[in-house]
Structure formats: structure tokens, C-alpha cells
N, C-alpha and C. Protein backbone atom coordinates (compact mmCIF):
# COMPACT_ATOMS: atom_id res chain seq x y z
N PRO A 1 -7.57 6.52 22.93
CA PRO A 1 -6.24 7.23 22.38
C PRO A 1 -5.53 5.70 21.98
N GLY A 2 -4.59 5.74 21.05
CA GLY A 2 -4.04 4.82 20.29
C GLY A 2 -4.84 3.88 19.16
N SER A 3 -5.99 3.92 19.03
CA SER A 3 -6.71 3.27 18.54
C SER A 3 -6.41 3.57 16.94
N SER A 4 -6.88 2.45 16.02
CA SER A 4 -6.54 2.38 14.84
C SER A 4 -7.47 1.79 13.75
N ALA A 5 -8.06 2.23 12.43
CA ALA A 5 -8.90 1.17 11.88
C ALA A 5 -8.48 0.59 11.32
N PHE A 6 -9.24 -0.63 10.74
CA PHE A 6 -9.09 -1.51 10.14
C PHE A 6 -10.19 -2.11 8.93
N ILE A 7 -9.94 -2.94 8.25
CA ILE A 7 -10.81 -2.85 6.96
C ILE A 7 -11.38 -4.80 6.96
N ILE A 8 -12.18 -5.28 6.97
CA ILE A 8 -12.83 -6.64 7.12
C ILE A 8 -13.42 -6.85 5.62
N LYS A 9 -12.91 -7.88 4.89
CA LYS A 9 -13.51 -8.43 3.90
C LYS A 9 -14.18 -10.13 4.30
N MET A 10 -15.48 -10.15 4.12
CA MET A 10 -15.80 -11.69 4.51
C MET A 10 -16.43 -11.87 3.27
N THR A 11 -16.32 -13.34 3.07
CA THR A 11 -16.96 -13.97 1.98
C THR A 11 -17.79 -15.38 2.49
N ALA A 12 -18.94 -15.34 1.95
CA ALA A 12 -19.83 -16.69 2.03
C ALA A 12 -20.59 -17.11 0.76
N ASP A 13 -20.43 -18.40 0.71
CA ASP A 13 -21.64 -19.00 0.22
C ASP A 13 -22.84 -18.45 -0.28
N LYS A 14 -23.38 -17.93 -1.21
CA LYS A 14 -24.94 -16.89 -1.44
C LYS A 14 -25.60 -17.88 -1.04
N ASN A 15 -25.73 -19.27 -1.44
CA ASN A 15 -26.91 -20.38 -1.04
C ASN A 15 -26.77 -20.76 0.31
N THR A 16 -25.77 -21.41 0.71
CA THR A 16 -25.99 -21.81 2.04
C THR A 16 -25.67 -20.95 3.24
N LYS A 17 -24.89 -19.76 2.81
CA LYS A 17 -24.76 -18.64 3.69
C LYS A 17 -23.47 -19.24 4.62
N LYS A 18 -22.63 -20.06 4.32
CA LYS A 18 -21.49 -20.87 4.90
C LYS A 18 -20.46 -19.74 4.67
N LEU A 19 -19.86 -19.60 6.01
CA LEU A 19 -18.78 -18.44 6.04
C LEU A 19 -17.45 -19.26 5.22
N LEU A 20 -16.87 -18.56 4.08
CA LEU A 20 -15.97 -19.19 3.56
C LEU A 20 -14.36 -18.68 3.65
N GLY A 21 -14.24 -17.51 4.03
CA GLY A 21 -13.30 -16.74 4.31
C GLY A 21 -13.28 -15.48 4.90
N LEU A 22 -12.07 -14.90 5.34
CA LEU A 22 -12.05 -13.51 6.00
C LEU A 22 -10.54 -12.85 5.65
N GLN A 23 -10.82 -11.58 5.47
CA GLN A 23 -9.31 -11.21 5.22
C GLN A 23 -9.26 -9.85 6.35
N VAL A 24 -8.37 -9.18 7.03
CA VAL A 24 -8.72 -8.38 7.93
C VAL A 24 -7.26 -7.70 7.67
N LEU A 25 -7.34 -5.96 7.40
CA LEU A 25 -6.27 -5.35 7.25
C LEU A 25 -6.15 -4.53 8.26
N GLY A 26 -5.24 -4.18 9.09
CA GLY A 26 -5.06 -3.20 10.01
C GLY A 26 -3.83 -3.12 10.86
N LEU A 27 -3.41 -2.19 11.79
CA LEU A 27 -2.41 -1.70 12.37
C LEU A 27 -2.46 -2.55 13.77
N ASP A 28 -3.53 -2.69 14.37
CA ASP A 28 -3.81 -3.04 15.78
C ASP A 28 -3.46 -4.79 15.60
N ARG A 29 -2.53 -5.39 15.62
CA ARG A 29 -2.53 -6.92 15.81
C ARG A 29 -3.72 -7.65 16.55
N SER A 30 -3.76 -7.37 17.57
CA SER A 30 -4.56 -7.64 18.54
C SER A 30 -6.05 -7.97 18.04
N ALA A 31 -6.55 -6.89 17.56
CA ALA A 31 -7.93 -6.42 16.98
C ALA A 31 -8.07 -7.69 15.92
N VAL A 32 -6.79 -7.47 14.84
CA VAL A 32 -7.05 -8.37 13.71
C VAL A 32 -7.02 -9.98 14.18
N ASP A 33 -5.96 -10.26 15.02
CA ASP A 33 -5.97 -11.36 15.74
C ASP A 33 -7.31 -12.00 15.89
N LYS A 34 -7.91 -11.28 16.90
CA LYS A 34 -9.38 -11.54 17.67
C LYS A 34 -10.28 -11.99 16.49
N ILE A 35 -10.32 -10.96 15.47
CA ILE A 35 -11.49 -11.37 14.35
C ILE A 35 -11.33 -12.54 13.52
N VAL A 36 -9.89 -12.89 13.32
CA VAL A 36 -9.34 -13.88 12.44
C VAL A 36 -9.74 -15.15 13.08
N ASP A 37 -9.28 -15.12 14.37
CA ASP A 37 -9.58 -16.27 15.48
C ASP A 37 -10.75 -16.75 15.39
N ILE A 38 -11.88 -15.67 15.68
CA ILE A 38 -13.50 -16.09 15.63
C ILE A 38 -13.87 -16.39 13.88
N ALA A 39 -13.44 -16.08 12.91
CA ALA A 39 -13.71 -16.55 11.86
C ALA A 39 -12.94 -17.90 11.56
N VAL A 40 -11.88 -18.04 11.90
CA VAL A 40 -11.46 -19.64 11.85
C VAL A 40 -11.99 -20.50 12.68
N THR A 41 -12.58 -20.40 13.68
CA THR A 41 -13.70 -21.10 14.72
C THR A 41 -14.91 -21.37 13.76
N ALA A 42 -15.27 -20.31 13.36
CA ALA A 42 -16.82 -20.33 12.51
C ALA A 42 -16.61 -21.40 11.47
N ILE A 43 -15.47 -21.13 10.54
CA ILE A 43 -14.86 -21.96 9.55
C ILE A 43 -14.95 -23.57 10.02
N SER A 44 -14.17 -23.59 10.92
CA SER A 44 -13.42 -25.03 11.56
C SER A 44 -15.03 -25.75 11.76
N LEU A 45 -16.10 -25.04 12.53
CA LEU A 45 -17.24 -25.86 12.69
C LEU A 45 -17.98 -25.57 11.52
N ASP A 46 -17.70 -25.33 10.44
CA ASP A 46 -18.74 -25.36 9.25
C ASP A 46 -19.91 -24.34 9.85
N GLY A 47 -19.84 -23.49 9.95
CA GLY A 47 -20.65 -22.32 10.39
C GLY A 47 -21.14 -21.78 9.44
N SER A 48 -22.43 -21.53 9.55
CA SER A 48 -22.86 -20.62 8.58
C SER A 48 -23.07 -18.92 9.03
N LEU A 49 -23.53 -17.85 8.11
CA LEU A 49 -23.41 -16.40 8.73
C LEU A 49 -24.76 -16.72 9.71
N GLU A 50 -25.74 -17.47 9.45
CA GLU A 50 -26.83 -17.59 10.51
C GLU A 50 -26.39 -17.99 11.89
N ASP A 51 -25.54 -19.14 11.93
CA ASP A 51 -24.94 -19.59 13.05
C ASP A 51 -24.30 -18.52 13.91
N ILE A 52 -23.53 -17.61 13.03
CA ILE A 52 -22.78 -16.79 14.05
C ILE A 52 -23.38 -15.40 14.31
N LYS A 53 -24.47 -14.96 13.50
CA LYS A 53 -24.79 -13.70 13.62
C LYS A 53 -25.12 -13.01 14.91
N ASP A 54 -25.57 -13.64 15.92
CA ASP A 54 -25.96 -13.61 17.13
C ASP A 54 -24.85 -13.77 18.21
N LEU A 55 -23.50 -13.93 18.23
CA LEU A 55 -22.50 -14.27 18.67
C LEU A 55 -22.64 -13.07 19.83
N ASP A 56 -22.28 -13.04 21.20
CA ASP A 56 -22.34 -12.25 21.94
C ASP A 56 -20.57 -12.24 22.30
N LEU A 57 -19.98 -11.11 21.62
CA LEU A 57 -18.64 -11.48 21.67
C LEU A 57 -17.90 -10.25 23.26
N ALA A 58 -17.33 -10.72 23.78
CA ALA A 58 -16.73 -9.78 24.75
C ALA A 58 -16.25 -8.43 24.02
N TYR A 59 -16.16 -7.52 25.05
CA TYR A 59 -15.73 -6.25 24.66
C TYR A 59 -15.45 -5.47 26.14
N ALA A 60 -14.62 -4.24 25.92
CA ALA A 60 -14.55 -3.64 27.19
C ALA A 60 -14.83 -1.91 26.58
N PRO A 61 -15.78 -1.46 27.05
CA PRO A 61 -16.39 -0.20 26.58
C PRO A 61 -15.20 0.90 26.31
N PRO A 62 -14.12 1.19 27.16
CA PRO A 62 -13.18 2.24 26.73
C PRO A 62 -12.16 1.82 25.63
N PHE A 63 -12.39 0.62 25.08
CA PHE A 63 -11.33 0.05 24.11
C PHE A 63 -12.01 -0.33 22.76
N SER A 64 -13.30 -0.60 22.85
CA SER A 64 -13.97 -1.21 21.37
C SER A 64 -15.85 -0.83 21.43
N THR A 65 -16.32 -1.10 20.40
CA THR A 65 -17.64 -0.66 20.28
C THR A 65 -18.67 -1.82 20.90
N ALA A 66 -19.68 -1.37 21.29
CA ALA A 66 -20.65 -2.48 21.63
C ALA A 66 -21.15 -3.35 20.70
N ILE A 67 -21.27 -3.26 19.82
CA ILE A 67 -21.20 -4.05 18.64
C ILE A 67 -20.13 -4.52 17.79
N HIS A 68 -19.58 -5.57 18.14
CA HIS A 68 -18.32 -6.17 17.79
C HIS A 68 -18.03 -5.71 16.12
N PRO A 69 -16.92 -5.50 15.62
CA PRO A 69 -16.85 -5.23 14.02
C PRO A 69 -17.24 -6.88 13.59
N PHE A 70 -16.96 -7.98 13.81
CA PHE A 70 -17.08 -9.17 13.51
C PHE A 70 -18.87 -9.34 13.00
N ALA A 71 -19.04 -9.32 14.23
CA ALA A 71 -21.00 -9.14 14.20
C ALA A 71 -21.30 -8.14 13.13
N HIS A 72 -20.95 -7.05 13.19
CA HIS A 72 -21.44 -6.19 12.18
C HIS A 72 -20.96 -6.60 10.62
N THR A 73 -20.12 -6.85 10.29
CA THR A 73 -19.69 -7.40 9.04
C THR A 73 -20.65 -8.52 8.75
N VAL A 74 -20.49 -9.74 9.52
CA VAL A 74 -21.58 -10.66 9.17
C VAL A 74 -23.15 -10.12 9.11
N ASN A 75 -23.48 -9.12 9.86
CA ASN A 75 -24.83 -8.73 9.41
C ASN A 75 -24.65 -7.73 7.93
N VAL A 76 -23.84 -7.16 7.79
CA VAL A 76 -23.67 -6.45 6.49
C VAL A 76 -23.93 -7.43 5.42
N LEU A 77 -23.25 -8.50 5.69
CA LEU A 77 -22.88 -9.62 4.59
C LEU A 77 -24.36 -9.96 4.29
N LEU A 78 -25.13 -10.71 5.36
CA LEU A 78 -26.39 -11.14 5.46
C LEU A 78 -27.42 -10.12 4.70
N ASN A 79 -27.32 -8.85 4.98
CA ASN A 79 -28.31 -7.77 4.13
C ASN A 79 -27.87 -7.75 2.74
N LYS A 80 -26.62 -8.01 2.36
CA LYS A 80 -26.52 -8.10 0.95
C LYS A 80 -26.88 -9.27 0.25
N ILE A 81 -26.46 -10.43 0.84
CA ILE A 81 -27.01 -11.63 0.41
C ILE A 81 -28.48 -11.37 0.06
N SER A 82 -29.31 -10.85 1.21
CA SER A 82 -30.83 -10.94 0.94
C SER A 82 -31.26 -9.68 0.04
N GLY A 83 -30.36 -8.80 -0.39
CA GLY A 83 -30.89 -7.95 -1.00
C GLY A 83 -31.24 -6.68 -0.37
N ASP A 84 -31.36 -6.44 0.88
CA ASP A 84 -31.78 -5.45 1.55
C ASP A 84 -30.71 -4.32 1.87
N PHE A 85 -29.49 -4.71 1.22
CA PHE A 85 -28.29 -3.51 1.09
C PHE A 85 -27.71 -4.02 -0.04
N VAL A 86 -27.75 -2.80 -1.24
CA VAL A 86 -27.05 -3.15 -2.28
C VAL A 86 -26.03 -2.01 -2.72
N THR A 87 -24.98 -2.77 -3.09
CA THR A 87 -23.57 -1.84 -3.20
C THR A 87 -23.28 -2.15 -4.54
N ALA A 88 -22.71 -1.14 -5.24
CA ALA A 88 -22.02 -1.06 -6.48
C ALA A 88 -21.02 -2.06 -6.64
């Protein structure tokens, strides 16, 4: 109840896989803020997608999915970089 969708755009260097940036668009400020905070921390620590792909982020089953949207986005981007997932 009261949930809303959001969109995440994540960018990384194709060669080093360093996280370069993130944009999040959505109505739920608490979800958007948390995702941005995770990305800012990773970027501040010079993290790569490989460094952050297995983060075990907190969640509450009644309010979110078991696989955090940030972790899902990292894995989609890694699959795109490797060529396992091709988009137009």
C-alpha cells in the first residue's frame, strides 16, 4: 500500500567498471534518497561495480523486495558491459 515505482540510471566506466554516476526518478523520497546515498558512498570510496555487486542491503519484506533495486541495477549494468545482456 502506498508504494510507487522509480527509475534508476547508472553509469560506469566500461573498462575499469568504476561507478561514475547515478540518477533516480521517483515519488518516494525515502527510497530515492537511500539509493542515491548508496551510490555516493561507493563513488566516494572509488568503488567498482565488482566491489558493490554483492552488498547485502537492509530491507523489510512488507515494504521492499528481497533483492534491493540498487543491487539489481548493478547486476544489469555488469551484464550489459560483459555482453550477456544486449539492449537497443
